[in-house]
Amino acid sequence: MSEATMIDAVMRALADPTRRAVFERIVGCDEITVAELTQGSGVTQGAVSQHLKALKQAGLVAERPEGRKVYYRAEPGGLEPLADWMSHYSLFWRQRFANLRTLLKEIDP
């Protein structure tokens, strides 16, 4: 998968607020099952499973089957394409703010 495609997949996966909430719960645990994610979420188990599928396809979570249960954990490198993309724009904005700072000093020394 190309870098642009990976960034799109991560952004698309995290664009949904419910999916983001599921991802945040996974990040807060070592491992968690679908049943545990469903408890107190206000979302059906089927919906949680669909969100997990999208997160897995984006490379944000990994699964580990054990008997009848499947455990999910955050994938450490999953956010890397997004972090790289943001760091590119971080340089852009730092340069813009430096230019603005210089301009403001020229206007009001």
PDB file of N, CA and C in Angstrom:
ATOM      1  N   MET A   1       0.849  -1.174   0.000  1.00  0.00           N
ATOM      2  CA  MET A   1       0.000   0.000   0.000  1.00  0.00           C
ATOM      3  C   MET A   1       0.895   1.238   0.000  1.00  0.00           C
ATOM      4  N   SER A   2       0.580   2.232  -0.828  1.00  0.00           N
ATOM      5  CA  SER A   2       1.395   3.443  -0.891  1.00  0.00           C
ATOM      6  C   SER A   2       1.219   4.278   0.372  1.00  0.00           C
ATOM      7  N   GLU A   3       2.153   5.205   0.569  1.00  0.00           N
ATOM      8  CA  GLU A   3       2.090   6.053   1.764  1.00  0.00           C
ATOM      9  C   GLU A   3       0.818   6.892   1.772  1.00  0.00           C
ATOM     10  N   ALA A   4       0.454   7.440   0.619  1.00  0.00           N
ATOM     11  CA  ALA A   4      -0.771   8.250   0.540  1.00  0.00           C
ATOM     12  C   ALA A   4      -2.002   7.409   0.851  1.00  0.00           C
ATOM     13  N   THR A   5      -2.017   6.186   0.375  1.00  0.00           N
ATOM     14  CA  THR A   5      -3.140   5.291   0.640  1.00  0.00           C
ATOM     15  C   THR A   5      -3.223   4.961   2.128  1.00  0.00           C
ATOM     16  N   MET A   6      -2.068   4.756   2.768  1.00  0.00           N
ATOM     17  CA  MET A   6      -2.051   4.461   4.205  1.00  0.00           C
ATOM     18  C   MET A   6      -2.559   5.655   5.012  1.00  0.00           C
ATOM     19  N   ILE A   7      -2.132   6.867   4.629  1.00  0.00           N
ATOM     20  CA  ILE A   7      -2.611   8.066   5.325  1.00  0.00           C
ATOM     21  C   ILE A   7      -4.121   8.184   5.179  1.00  0.00           C
ATOM     22  N   ASP A   8      -4.624   7.961   3.957  1.00  0.00           N
ATOM     23  CA  ASP A   8      -6.066   8.008   3.724  1.00  0.00           C
ATOM     24  C   ASP A   8      -6.794   6.989   4.591  1.00  0.00           C
ATOM     25  N   ALA A   9      -6.255   5.776   4.672  1.00  0.00           N
ATOM     26  CA  ALA A   9      -6.897   4.720   5.456  1.00  0.00           C
ATOM     27  C   ALA A   9      -6.943   5.080   6.937  1.00  0.00           C
ATOM     28  N   VAL A  10      -5.851   5.612   7.457  1.00  0.00           N
ATOM     29  CA  VAL A  10      -5.802   5.998   8.878  1.00  0.00           C
ATOM     30  C   VAL A  10      -6.770   7.147   9.143  1.00  0.00           C
ATOM     31  N   MET A  11      -6.744   8.161   8.279  1.00  0.00           N
ATOM     32  CA  MET A  11      -7.646   9.301   8.480  1.00  0.00           C
ATOM     33  C   MET A  11      -9.107   8.888   8.375  1.00  0.00           C
ATOM     34  N   ARG A  12      -9.414   8.038   7.397  1.00  0.00           N
ATOM     35  CA  ARG A  12     -10.788   7.569   7.224  1.00  0.00           C
ATOM     36  C   ARG A  12     -11.226   6.765   8.447  1.00  0.00           C
ATOM     37  N   ALA A  13     -10.336   5.926   8.951  1.00  0.00           N
ATOM     38  CA  ALA A  13     -10.676   5.105  10.119  1.00  0.00           C
ATOM     39  C   ALA A  13     -10.927   5.964  11.350  1.00  0.00           C
ATOM     40  N   LEU A  14     -10.134   7.005  11.532  1.00  0.00           N
ATOM     41  CA  LEU A  14     -10.265   7.834  12.734  1.00  0.00           C
ATOM     42  C   LEU A  14     -11.259   8.981  12.577  1.00  0.00           C
ATOM     43  N   ALA A  15     -11.810   9.153  11.382  1.00  0.00           N
ATOM     44  CA  ALA A  15     -12.768  10.239  11.156  1.00  0.00           C
ATOM     45  C   ALA A  15     -14.094   9.989  11.881  1.00  0.00           C
ATOM     46  N   ASP A  16     -14.446   8.733  12.072  1.00  0.00           N
ATOM     47  CA  ASP A  16     -15.701   8.390  12.731  1.00  0.00           C
ATOM     48  C   ASP A  16     -15.523   8.489  14.247  1.00  0.00           C
ATOM     49  N   PRO A  17     -16.366   9.288  14.926  1.00  0.00           N
ATOM     50  CA  PRO A  17     -16.193   9.476  16.377  1.00  0.00           C
ATOM     51  C   PRO A  17     -16.351   8.186  17.190  1.00  0.00           C
ATOM     52  N   THR A  18     -17.255   7.311  16.785  1.00  0.00           N
ATOM     53  CA  THR A  18     -17.428   6.051  17.513  1.00  0.00           C
ATOM     54  C   THR A  18     -16.200   5.177  17.334  1.00  0.00           C
ATOM     55  N   ARG A  19     -15.674   5.136  16.114  1.00  0.00           N
ATOM     56  CA  ARG A  19     -14.480   4.331  15.848  1.00  0.00           C
ATOM     57  C   ARG A  19     -13.291   4.879  16.622  1.00  0.00           C
ATOM     58  N   ARG A  20     -13.190   6.207  16.694  1.00  0.00           N
ATOM     59  CA  ARG A  20     -12.115   6.826  17.481  1.00  0.00           C
ATOM     60  C   ARG A  20     -12.228   6.431  18.936  1.00  0.00           C
ATOM     61  N   ALA A  21     -13.453   6.407  19.454  1.00  0.00           N
ATOM     62  CA  ALA A  21     -13.673   6.021  20.854  1.00  0.00           C
ATOM     63  C   ALA A  21     -13.271   4.562  21.080  1.00  0.00           C
ATOM     64  N   VAL A  22     -13.598   3.691  20.130  1.00  0.00           N
ATOM     65  CA  VAL A  22     -13.197   2.285  20.226  1.00  0.00           C
ATOM     66  C   VAL A  22     -11.674   2.198  20.224  1.00  0.00           C
ATOM     67  N   PHE A  23     -11.031   2.928  19.317  1.00  0.00           N
ATOM     68  CA  PHE A  23      -9.568   2.914  19.235  1.00  0.00           C
ATOM     69  C   PHE A  23      -8.946   3.419  20.542  1.00  0.00           C
ATOM     70  N   GLU A  24      -9.490   4.474  21.105  1.00  0.00           N
ATOM     71  CA  GLU A  24      -8.961   5.022  22.359  1.00  0.00           C
ATOM     72  C   GLU A  24      -9.089   4.017  23.497  1.00  0.00           C
ATOM     73  N   ARG A  25     -10.190   3.263  23.523  1.00  0.00           N
ATOM     74  CA  ARG A  25     -10.330   2.231  24.554  1.00  0.00           C
ATOM     75  C   ARG A  25      -9.295   1.130  24.372  1.00  0.00           C
ATOM     76  N   ILE A  26      -9.015   0.779  23.120  1.00  0.00           N
ATOM     77  CA  ILE A  26      -8.017  -0.259  22.851  1.00  0.00           C
ATOM     78  C   ILE A  26      -6.637   0.232  23.265  1.00  0.00           C
ATOM     79  N   VAL A  27      -6.330   1.473  22.951  1.00  0.00           N
ATOM     80  CA  VAL A  27      -5.023   2.044  23.298  1.00  0.00           C
ATOM     81  C   VAL A  27      -4.823   2.034  24.813  1.00  0.00           C
ATOM     82  N   GLY A  28      -5.903   2.206  25.563  1.00  0.00           N
ATOM     83  CA  GLY A  28      -5.815   2.239  27.021  1.00  0.00           C
ATOM     84  C   GLY A  28      -5.655   0.881  27.677  1.00  0.00           C
ATOM     85  N   CYS A  29      -5.654  -0.198  26.899  1.00  0.00           N
ATOM     86  CA  CYS A  29      -5.541  -1.556  27.431  1.00  0.00           C
ATOM     87  C   CYS A  29      -4.380  -2.274  26.766  1.00  0.00           C
ATOM     88  N   ASP A  30      -3.912  -3.312  27.425  1.00  0.00           N
ATOM     89  CA  ASP A  30      -2.938  -4.185  26.759  1.00  0.00           C
ATOM     90  C   ASP A  30      -3.649  -4.943  25.646  1.00  0.00           C
ATOM     91  N   GLU A  31      -4.753  -5.588  26.012  1.00  0.00           N
ATOM     92  CA  GLU A  31      -5.591  -6.313  25.065  1.00  0.00           C
ATOM     93  C   GLU A  31      -7.033  -6.241  25.556  1.00  0.00           C
ATOM     94  N   ILE A  32      -7.977  -6.323  24.606  1.00  0.00           N
ATOM     95  CA  ILE A  32      -9.383  -6.237  24.968  1.00  0.00           C
ATOM     96  C   ILE A  32     -10.210  -7.022  23.951  1.00  0.00           C
ATOM     97  N   THR A  33     -11.306  -7.625  24.408  1.00  0.00           N
ATOM     98  CA  THR A  33     -12.173  -8.401  23.521  1.00  0.00           C
ATOM     99  C   THR A  33     -13.304  -7.519  22.997  1.00  0.00           C
ATOM    100  N   VAL A  34     -13.998  -8.029  21.979  1.00  0.00           N
ATOM    101  CA  VAL A  34     -15.150  -7.322  21.421  1.00  0.00           C
ATOM    102  C   VAL A  34     -16.217  -7.152  22.498  1.00  0.00           C
ATOM    103  N   ALA A  35     -16.446  -8.194  23.293  1.00  0.00           N
ATOM    104  CA  ALA A  35     -17.462  -8.126  24.350  1.00  0.00           C
ATOM    105  C   ALA A  35     -17.122  -7.019  25.339  1.00  0.00           C
ATOM    106  N   GLU A  36     -15.855  -6.911  25.718  1.00  0.00           N
ATOM    107  CA  GLU A  36     -15.437  -5.861  26.654  1.00  0.00           C
ATOM    108  C   GLU A  36     -15.582  -4.475  26.034  1.00  0.00           C
ATOM    109  N   LEU A  37     -15.277  -4.368  24.739  1.00  0.00           N
ATOM    110  CA  LEU A  37     -15.431  -3.086  24.052  1.00  0.00           C
ATOM    111  C   LEU A  37     -16.901  -2.680  23.944  1.00  0.00           C
ATOM    112  N   THR A  38     -17.770  -3.673  23.801  1.00  0.00           N
ATOM    113  CA  THR A  38     -19.201  -3.402  23.648  1.00  0.00           C
ATOM    114  C   THR A  38     -19.823  -2.912  24.949  1.00  0.00           C
ATOM    115  N   GLN A  39     -19.364  -3.453  26.080  1.00  0.00           N
ATOM    116  CA  GLN A  39     -19.926  -3.088  27.382  1.00  0.00           C
ATOM    117  C   GLN A  39     -19.802  -1.585  27.618  1.00  0.00           C
ATOM    118  N   GLY A  40     -20.938  -0.953  27.879  1.00  0.00           N
ATOM    119  CA  GLY A  40     -20.957   0.466  28.218  1.00  0.00           C
ATOM    120  C   GLY A  40     -20.694   1.404  27.053  1.00  0.00           C
ATOM    121  N   SER A  41     -20.628   0.868  25.842  1.00  0.00           N
ATOM    122  CA  SER A  41     -20.326   1.732  24.702  1.00  0.00           C
ATOM    123  C   SER A  41     -21.578   2.321  24.060  1.00  0.00           C
ATOM    124  N   GLY A  42     -22.720   1.687  24.296  1.00  0.00           N
ATOM    125  CA  GLY A  42     -23.952   2.140  23.660  1.00  0.00           C
ATOM    126  C   GLY A  42     -24.039   1.732  22.201  1.00  0.00           C
ATOM    127  N   VAL A  43     -23.159   0.825  21.787  1.00  0.00           N
ATOM    128  CA  VAL A  43     -23.106   0.353  20.407  1.00  0.00           C
ATOM    129  C   VAL A  43     -23.235  -1.167  20.425  1.00  0.00           C
ATOM    130  N   THR A  44     -23.869  -1.728  19.416  1.00  0.00           N
ATOM    131  CA  THR A  44     -24.037  -3.180  19.361  1.00  0.00           C
ATOM    132  C   THR A  44     -22.707  -3.876  19.109  1.00  0.00           C
ATOM    133  N   GLN A  45     -22.665  -5.152  19.429  1.00  0.00           N
ATOM    134  CA  GLN A  45     -21.457  -5.931  19.210  1.00  0.00           C
ATOM    135  C   GLN A  45     -21.126  -5.997  17.714  1.00  0.00           C
ATOM    136  N   GLY A  46     -22.150  -6.080  16.879  1.00  0.00           N
ATOM    137  CA  GLY A  46     -21.931  -6.095  15.432  1.00  0.00           C
ATOM    138  C   GLY A  46     -21.285  -4.811  14.946  1.00  0.00           C
ATOM    139  N   ALA A  47     -21.745  -3.672  15.491  1.00  0.00           N
ATOM    140  CA  ALA A  47     -21.174  -2.379  15.102  1.00  0.00           C
ATOM    141  C   ALA A  47     -19.719  -2.270  15.566  1.00  0.00           C
ATOM    142  N   VAL A  48     -19.451  -2.727  16.784  1.00  0.00           N
ATOM    143  CA  VAL A  48     -18.074  -2.708  17.293  1.00  0.00           C
ATOM    144  C   VAL A  48     -17.185  -3.562  16.398  1.00  0.00           C
ATOM    145  N   SER A  49     -17.690  -4.713  15.983  1.00  0.00           N
ATOM    146  CA  SER A  49     -16.919  -5.590  15.097  1.00  0.00           C
ATOM    147  C   SER A  49     -16.613  -4.902  13.769  1.00  0.00           C
ATOM    148  N   GLN A  50     -17.578  -4.165  13.238  1.00  0.00           N
ATOM    149  CA  GLN A  50     -17.348  -3.424  11.982  1.00  0.00           C
ATOM    150  C   GLN A  50     -16.293  -2.345  12.179  1.00  0.00           C
ATOM    151  N   HIS A  51     -16.348  -1.650  13.299  1.00  0.00           N
ATOM    152  CA  HIS A  51     -15.345  -0.617  13.595  1.00  0.00           C
ATOM    153  C   HIS A  51     -13.960  -1.250  13.742  1.00  0.00           C
ATOM    154  N   LEU A  52     -13.907  -2.403  14.387  1.00  0.00           N
ATOM    155  CA  LEU A  52     -12.629  -3.103  14.542  1.00  0.00           C
ATOM    156  C   LEU A  52     -12.059  -3.526  13.191  1.00  0.00           C
ATOM    157  N   LYS A  53     -12.936  -3.948  12.293  1.00  0.00           N
ATOM    158  CA  LYS A  53     -12.502  -4.342  10.953  1.00  0.00           C
ATOM    159  C   LYS A  53     -11.847  -3.156  10.238  1.00  0.00           C
ATOM    160  N   ALA A  54     -12.464  -1.981  10.326  1.00  0.00           N
ATOM    161  CA  ALA A  54     -11.906  -0.778   9.688  1.00  0.00           C
ATOM    162  C   ALA A  54     -10.577  -0.385  10.329  1.00  0.00           C
ATOM    163  N   LEU A  55     -10.505  -0.472  11.649  1.00  0.00           N
ATOM    164  CA  LEU A  55      -9.263  -0.145  12.355  1.00  0.00           C
ATOM    165  C   LEU A  55      -8.148  -1.119  11.985  1.00  0.00           C
ATOM    166  N   LYS A  56      -8.508  -2.386  11.844  1.00  0.00           N
ATOM    167  CA  LYS A  56      -7.526  -3.409  11.474  1.00  0.00           C
ATOM    168  C   LYS A  56      -7.034  -3.169  10.045  1.00  0.00           C
ATOM    169  N   GLN A  57      -7.937  -2.875   9.124  1.00  0.00           N
ATOM    170  CA  GLN A  57      -7.555  -2.616   7.736  1.00  0.00           C
ATOM    171  C   GLN A  57      -6.648  -1.396   7.615  1.00  0.00           C
ATOM    172  N   ALA A  58      -6.826  -0.433   8.514  1.00  0.00           N
ATOM    173  CA  ALA A  58      -5.994   0.774   8.500  1.00  0.00           C
ATOM    174  C   ALA A  58      -4.649   0.539   9.190  1.00  0.00           C
ATOM    175  N   GLY A  59      -4.476  -0.640   9.781  1.00  0.00           N
ATOM    176  CA  GLY A  59      -3.221  -0.950  10.461  1.00  0.00           C
ATOM    177  C   GLY A  59      -3.122  -0.384  11.857  1.00  0.00           C
ATOM    178  N   LEU A  60      -4.253  -0.001  12.434  1.00  0.00           N
ATOM    179  CA  LEU A  60      -4.249   0.621  13.761  1.00  0.00           C
ATOM    180  C   LEU A  60      -4.382  -0.390  14.897  1.00  0.00           C
ATOM    181  N   VAL A  61      -4.965  -1.548  14.608  1.00  0.00           N
ATOM    182  CA  VAL A  61      -5.097  -2.584  15.631  1.00  0.00           C
ATOM    183  C   VAL A  61      -4.690  -3.941  15.052  1.00  0.00           C
ATOM    184  N   ALA A  62      -4.318  -4.838  15.939  1.00  0.00           N
ATOM    185  CA  ALA A  62      -3.998  -6.222  15.579  1.00  0.00           C
ATOM    186  C   ALA A  62      -4.856  -7.118  16.452  1.00  0.00           C
ATOM    187  N   GLU A  63      -5.092  -8.321  15.982  1.00  0.00           N
ATOM    188  CA  GLU A  63      -5.913  -9.260  16.744  1.00  0.00           C
ATOM    189  C   GLU A  63      -5.126 -10.522  17.058  1.00  0.00           C
ATOM    190  N   ARG A  64      -5.547 -11.135  18.179  1.00  0.00           N
ATOM    191  CA  ARG A  64      -4.933 -12.394  18.605  1.00  0.00           C
ATOM    192  C   ARG A  64      -6.050 -13.330  19.034  1.00  0.00           C
ATOM    193  N   PRO A  65      -6.346 -14.348  18.202  1.00  0.00           N
ATOM    194  CA  PRO A  65      -7.386 -15.300  18.590  1.00  0.00           C
ATOM    195  C   PRO A  65      -6.874 -16.248  19.683  1.00  0.00           C
ATOM    196  N   GLU A  66      -7.759 -16.521  20.621  1.00  0.00           N
ATOM    197  CA  GLU A  66      -7.447 -17.499  21.675  1.00  0.00           C
ATOM    198  C   GLU A  66      -8.739 -18.230  22.005  1.00  0.00           C
ATOM    199  N   GLY A  67      -8.835 -19.454  21.522  1.00  0.00           N
ATOM    200  CA  GLY A  67     -10.072 -20.207  21.710  1.00  0.00           C
ATOM    201  C   GLY A  67     -11.209 -19.522  20.979  1.00  0.00           C
ATOM    202  N   ARG A  68     -12.295 -19.266  21.694  1.00  0.00           N
ATOM    203  CA  ARG A  68     -13.461 -18.611  21.090  1.00  0.00           C
ATOM    204  C   ARG A  68     -13.373 -17.095  21.142  1.00  0.00           C
ATOM    205  N   LYS A  69     -12.393 -16.570  21.828  1.00  0.00           N
ATOM    206  CA  LYS A  69     -12.255 -15.115  21.965  1.00  0.00           C
ATOM    207  C   LYS A  69     -11.170 -14.585  21.041  1.00  0.00           C
ATOM    208  N   VAL A  70     -11.337 -13.346  20.652  1.00  0.00           N
ATOM    209  CA  VAL A  70     -10.313 -12.644  19.887  1.00  0.00           C
ATOM    210  C   VAL A  70      -9.944 -11.398  20.685  1.00  0.00           C
ATOM    211  N   TYR A  71      -8.671 -11.237  20.927  1.00  0.00           N
ATOM    212  CA  TYR A  71      -8.167 -10.093  21.680  1.00  0.00           C
ATOM    213  C   TYR A  71      -7.585  -9.067  20.718  1.00  0.00           C
ATOM    214  N   TYR A  72      -7.894  -7.803  20.957  1.00  0.00           N
ATOM    215  CA  TYR A  72      -7.405  -6.713  20.119  1.00  0.00           C
ATOM    216  C   TYR A  72      -6.432  -5.855  20.910  1.00  0.00           C
ATOM    217  N   ARG A  73      -5.421  -5.371  20.223  1.00  0.00           N
ATOM    218  CA  ARG A  73      -4.439  -4.473  20.830  1.00  0.00           C
ATOM    219  C   ARG A  73      -4.074  -3.411  19.809  1.00  0.00           C
ATOM    220  N   ALA A  74      -3.626  -2.276  20.299  1.00  0.00           N
ATOM    221  CA  ALA A  74      -3.196  -1.200  19.409  1.00  0.00           C
ATOM    222  C   ALA A  74      -1.909  -1.613  18.707  1.00  0.00           C
ATOM    223  N   GLU A  75      -1.809  -1.260  17.458  1.00  0.00           N
ATOM    224  CA  GLU A  75      -0.619  -1.552  16.668  1.00  0.00           C
ATOM    225  C   GLU A  75       0.296  -0.322  16.748  1.00  0.00           C
ATOM    226  N   PRO A  76       1.477  -0.465  17.346  1.00  0.00           N
ATOM    227  CA  PRO A  76       2.340   0.691  17.607  1.00  0.00           C
ATOM    228  C   PRO A  76       2.657   1.561  16.388  1.00  0.00           C
ATOM    229  N   GLY A  77       2.881   0.953  15.247  1.00  0.00           N
ATOM    230  CA  GLY A  77       3.243   1.740  14.061  1.00  0.00           C
ATOM    231  C   GLY A  77       2.053   2.231  13.264  1.00  0.00           C
ATOM    232  N   GLY A  78       0.853   1.948  13.722  1.00  0.00           N
ATOM    233  CA  GLY A  78      -0.344   2.289  12.958  1.00  0.00           C
ATOM    234  C   GLY A  78      -0.538   3.769  12.687  1.00  0.00           C
ATOM    235  N   LEU A  79      -0.137   4.599  13.629  1.00  0.00           N
ATOM    236  CA  LEU A  79      -0.311   6.040  13.464  1.00  0.00           C
ATOM    237  C   LEU A  79       0.879   6.706  12.776  1.00  0.00           C
ATOM    238  N   GLU A  80       1.901   5.927  12.459  1.00  0.00           N
ATOM    239  CA  GLU A  80       3.117   6.491  11.877  1.00  0.00           C
ATOM    240  C   GLU A  80       2.873   7.264  10.569  1.00  0.00           C
ATOM    241  N   PRO A  81       2.065   6.755   9.621  1.00  0.00           N
ATOM    242  CA  PRO A  81       1.823   7.542   8.404  1.00  0.00           C
ATOM    243  C   PRO A  81       1.191   8.895   8.699  1.00  0.00           C
ATOM    244  N   LEU A  82       0.276   8.926   9.658  1.00  0.00           N
ATOM    245  CA  LEU A  82      -0.374  10.178  10.031  1.00  0.00           C
ATOM    246  C   LEU A  82       0.607  11.117  10.730  1.00  0.00           C
ATOM    247  N   ALA A  83       1.430  10.578  11.604  1.00  0.00           N
ATOM    248  CA  ALA A  83       2.429  11.398  12.303  1.00  0.00           C
ATOM    249  C   ALA A  83       3.434  11.982  11.314  1.00  0.00           C
ATOM    250  N   ASP A  84       3.850  11.184  10.333  1.00  0.00           N
ATOM    251  CA  ASP A  84       4.774  11.682   9.311  1.00  0.00           C
ATOM    252  C   ASP A  84       4.141  12.803   8.505  1.00  0.00           C
ATOM    253  N   TRP A  85       2.886  12.621   8.129  1.00  0.00           N
ATOM    254  CA  TRP A  85       2.160  13.634   7.355  1.00  0.00           C
ATOM    255  C   TRP A  85       2.040  14.933   8.151  1.00  0.00           C
ATOM    256  N   MET A  86       1.713  14.796   9.437  1.00  0.00           N
ATOM    257  CA  MET A  86       1.569  15.982  10.292  1.00  0.00           C
ATOM    258  C   MET A  86       2.906  16.677  10.507  1.00  0.00           C
ATOM    259  N   SER A  87       3.993  15.933  10.622  1.00  0.00           N
ATOM    260  CA  SER A  87       5.292  16.565  10.826  1.00  0.00           C
ATOM    261  C   SER A  87       5.695  17.374   9.602  1.00  0.00           C
ATOM    262  N   HIS A  88       5.307  16.915   8.413  1.00  0.00           N
ATOM    263  CA  HIS A  88       5.564  17.681   7.192  1.00  0.00           C
ATOM    264  C   HIS A  88       4.895  19.046   7.284  1.00  0.00           C
ATOM    265  N   TYR A  89       3.651  19.078   7.701  1.00  0.00           N
ATOM    266  CA  TYR A  89       2.931  20.346   7.821  1.00  0.00           C
ATOM    267  C   TYR A  89       3.362  21.138   9.035  1.00  0.00           C
ATOM    268  N   SER A  90       3.914  20.488  10.011  1.00  0.00           N
ATOM    269  CA  SER A  90       4.461  21.192  11.164  1.00  0.00           C
ATOM    270  C   SER A  90       5.587  22.120  10.719  1.00  0.00           C
ATOM    271  N   LEU A  91       6.457  21.633   9.851  1.00  0.00           N
ATOM    272  CA  LEU A  91       7.532  22.473   9.315  1.00  0.00           C
ATOM    273  C   LEU A  91       6.959  23.656   8.555  1.00  0.00           C
ATOM    274  N   PHE A  92       5.932  23.405   7.766  1.00  0.00           N
ATOM    275  CA  PHE A  92       5.269  24.466   7.006  1.00  0.00           C
ATOM    276  C   PHE A  92       4.762  25.559   7.942  1.00  0.00           C
ATOM    277  N   TRP A  93       4.039  25.165   8.986  1.00  0.00           N
ATOM    278  CA  TRP A  93       3.459  26.158   9.896  1.00  0.00           C
ATOM    279  C   TRP A  93       4.521  26.861  10.723  1.00  0.00           C
ATOM    280  N   ARG A  94       5.568  26.169  11.121  1.00  0.00           N
ATOM    281  CA  ARG A  94       6.652  26.840  11.850  1.00  0.00           C
ATOM    282  C   ARG A  94       7.277  27.945  11.011  1.00  0.00           C
ATOM    283  N   GLN A  95       7.473  27.665   9.721  1.00  0.00           N
ATOM    284  CA  GLN A  95       8.033  28.684   8.837  1.00  0.00           C
ATOM    285  C   GLN A  95       7.079  29.858   8.694  1.00  0.00           C
ATOM    286  N   ARG A  96       5.799  29.585   8.565  1.00  0.00           N
ATOM    287  CA  ARG A  96       4.799  30.664   8.436  1.00  0.00           C
ATOM    288  C   ARG A  96       4.761  31.528   9.697  1.00  0.00           C
ATOM    289  N   PHE A  97       4.796  30.889  10.864  1.00  0.00           N
ATOM    290  CA  PHE A  97       4.775  31.654  12.113  1.00  0.00           C
ATOM    291  C   PHE A  97       6.060  32.455  12.291  1.00  0.00           C
ATOM    292  N   ALA A  98       7.185  31.917  11.853  1.00  0.00           N
ATOM    293  CA  ALA A  98       8.447  32.668  11.913  1.00  0.00           C
ATOM    294  C   ALA A  98       8.368  33.895  11.015  1.00  0.00           C
ATOM    295  N   ASN A  99       7.803  33.720   9.822  1.00  0.00           N
ATOM    296  CA  ASN A  99       7.621  34.871   8.917  1.00  0.00           C
ATOM    297  C   ASN A  99       6.684  35.906   9.523  1.00  0.00           C
ATOM    298  N   LEU A 100       5.620  35.455  10.154  1.00  0.00           N
ATOM    299  CA  LEU A 100       4.684  36.372  10.798  1.00  0.00           C
ATOM    300  C   LEU A 100       5.358  37.121  11.945  1.00  0.00           C
ATOM    301  N   ARG A 101       6.145  36.421  12.743  1.00  0.00           N
ATOM    302  CA  ARG A 101       6.866  37.039  13.851  1.00  0.00           C
ATOM    303  C   ARG A 101       7.793  38.146  13.326  1.00  0.00           C
ATOM    304  N   THR A 102       8.513  37.853  12.248  1.00  0.00           N
ATOM    305  CA  THR A 102       9.409  38.846  11.639  1.00  0.00           C
ATOM    306  C   THR A 102       8.625  40.048  11.147  1.00  0.00           C
ATOM    307  N   LEU A 103       7.512  39.803  10.488  1.00  0.00           N
ATOM    308  CA  LEU A 103       6.671  40.885   9.979  1.00  0.00           C
ATOM    309  C   LEU A 103       6.144  41.744  11.117  1.00  0.00           C
ATOM    310  N   LEU A 104       5.695  41.126  12.177  1.00  0.00           N
ATOM    311  CA  LEU A 104       5.164  41.877  13.324  1.00  0.00           C
ATOM    312  C   LEU A 104       6.247  42.723  13.975  1.00  0.00           C
ATOM    313  N   LYS A 105       7.472  42.232  14.033  1.00  0.00           N
ATOM    314  CA  LYS A 105       8.581  43.007  14.594  1.00  0.00           C
ATOM    315  C   LYS A 105       8.907  44.186  13.705  1.00  0.00           C
ATOM    316  N   GLU A 106       8.772  44.040  12.393  1.00  0.00           N
ATOM    317  CA  GLU A 106       9.005  45.134  11.465  1.00  0.00           C
ATOM    318  C   GLU A 106       7.926  46.203  11.606  1.00  0.00           C
ATOM    319  N   ILE A 107       6.699  45.773  11.813  1.00  0.00           N
ATOM    320  CA  ILE A 107       5.565  46.708  11.923  1.00  0.00           C
ATOM    321  C   ILE A 107       5.626  47.454  13.253  1.00  0.00           C
ATOM    322  N   ASP A 108       5.906  46.740  14.317  1.00  0.00           N
ATOM    323  CA  ASP A 108       5.910  47.332  15.654  1.00  0.00           C
ATOM    324  C   ASP A 108       7.205  46.924  16.373  1.00  0.00           C
ATOM    325  N   PRO A 109       8.290  47.673  16.101  1.00  0.00           N
ATOM    326  CA  PRO A 109       9.586  47.292  16.679  1.00  0.00           C
ATOM    327  C   PRO A 109       9.601  47.432  18.138  1.00  0.00           C
TER     328      PRO A 109
END
